[in-house]
Amino acid sequence: PKGSFFAWLPVADGYTSEQFADLLLDKADVAVAAGNGFGEYGEGYIRVGLLVSEDRLTEAISRIEKLNIFKVKNVLISN
């Protein structure tokens, strides 16, 4: 391809960007880039390449979700 698309996402609480990238690879078989490899402002984030089909991205999300590492926050919606 002539270009690519990436998303920068914050890591889960309690992890460095490198620790979180390693966790995703080791436990969910999902490869991402640790943000600290892109300079000091990348710490606390991972870079996700959106370079595969939507089905593969959905599969990666499902694998990460099964790790149960993100806390769901209560949200109050009012009309």
Protein backbone atom coordinates (compact mmCIF):
# COMPACT_ATOMS: atom_id res chain seq x y z
CA PRO A 1 0.00 0.00 0.00
CA LYS A 2 0.99 3.60 -0.49
CA GLY A 3 0.00 4.48 3.07
CA SER A 4 -1.07 3.07 6.38
CA PHE A 5 -3.36 3.95 9.24
CA PHE A 6 -2.59 3.68 12.95
CA ALA A 7 -4.48 4.36 16.16
CA TRP A 8 -2.87 5.48 19.41
CA LEU A 9 -4.61 3.97 22.44
CA PRO A 10 -3.93 4.44 26.16
CA VAL A 11 -2.62 1.41 28.05
CA ALA A 12 -4.59 -0.21 30.86
CA ASP A 13 -4.04 1.17 34.35
CA GLY A 14 -0.94 -0.16 36.09
CA TYR A 15 1.12 -0.90 32.96
CA THR A 16 3.87 0.85 31.06
CA SER A 17 3.47 0.92 27.32
CA GLU A 18 6.11 -1.79 26.95
CA GLN A 19 4.56 -4.01 29.62
CA PHE A 20 1.14 -3.66 28.04
CA ALA A 21 2.40 -4.43 24.53
CA ASP A 22 4.16 -7.53 25.90
CA LEU A 23 1.00 -8.62 27.73
CA LEU A 24 -1.11 -8.35 24.58
CA LEU A 25 1.40 -10.39 22.61
CA ASP A 26 1.94 -13.04 25.30
CA LYS A 27 -1.66 -13.49 26.47
CA ALA A 28 -3.82 -12.49 23.50
CA ASP A 29 -1.52 -13.08 20.51
CA VAL A 30 -2.08 -9.48 19.44
CA ALA A 31 0.95 -7.50 18.25
CA VAL A 32 1.08 -3.75 18.87
CA ALA A 33 3.92 -1.26 19.19
CA ALA A 34 4.81 0.15 22.60
CA GLY A 35 4.47 3.91 22.55
CA ASN A 36 7.75 4.54 24.36
CA GLY A 37 9.56 3.44 21.20
CA PHE A 38 8.32 6.65 19.55
CA GLY A 39 9.73 9.04 22.14
CA GLU A 40 8.94 10.30 25.60
CA TYR A 41 5.39 11.40 24.75
CA GLY A 42 4.53 7.89 23.57
CA GLU A 43 4.79 6.42 27.07
CA GLY A 44 1.37 5.37 28.32
CA TYR A 45 0.12 4.51 24.84
CA ILE A 46 0.31 1.71 22.29
CA ARG A 47 0.23 2.13 18.53
CA VAL A 48 -2.14 -0.21 16.75
CA GLY A 49 -1.77 -0.82 13.04
CA LEU A 50 -5.14 -0.89 11.30
CA LEU A 51 -3.67 -2.75 8.38
CA VAL A 52 -5.78 -5.91 8.22
CA SER A 53 -9.40 -6.73 7.49
CA GLU A 54 -12.22 -5.65 9.77
CA ASP A 55 -12.77 -9.31 10.72
CA ARG A 56 -9.17 -9.63 11.97
CA LEU A 57 -9.47 -6.38 13.95
CA THR A 58 -12.69 -7.63 15.53
CA GLU A 59 -10.93 -10.88 16.45
CA ALA A 60 -8.09 -8.94 18.10
CA ILE A 61 -10.58 -6.90 20.11
CA SER A 62 -12.30 -10.09 21.25
CA ARG A 63 -8.99 -11.61 22.36
CA ILE A 64 -8.08 -8.49 24.32
CA GLU A 65 -11.54 -8.34 25.89
CA LYS A 66 -11.09 -11.91 27.20
CA LEU A 67 -8.09 -10.74 29.25
CA ASN A 68 -10.56 -8.81 31.42
CA ILE A 69 -8.03 -6.07 32.21
CA PHE A 70 -10.19 -3.04 31.57
CA LYS A 71 -12.54 -1.87 34.29
CA VAL A 72 -16.00 -0.83 33.22
CA LYS A 73 -16.91 2.54 34.65
CA ASN A 74 -20.47 3.31 35.63
CA VAL A 75 -22.05 5.75 33.26
CA LEU A 76 -25.22 7.64 34.04
CA ILE A 77 -27.22 8.68 31.02
CA SER A 78 -30.04 11.14 31.53
CA ASN A 79 -32.51 12.63 29.10
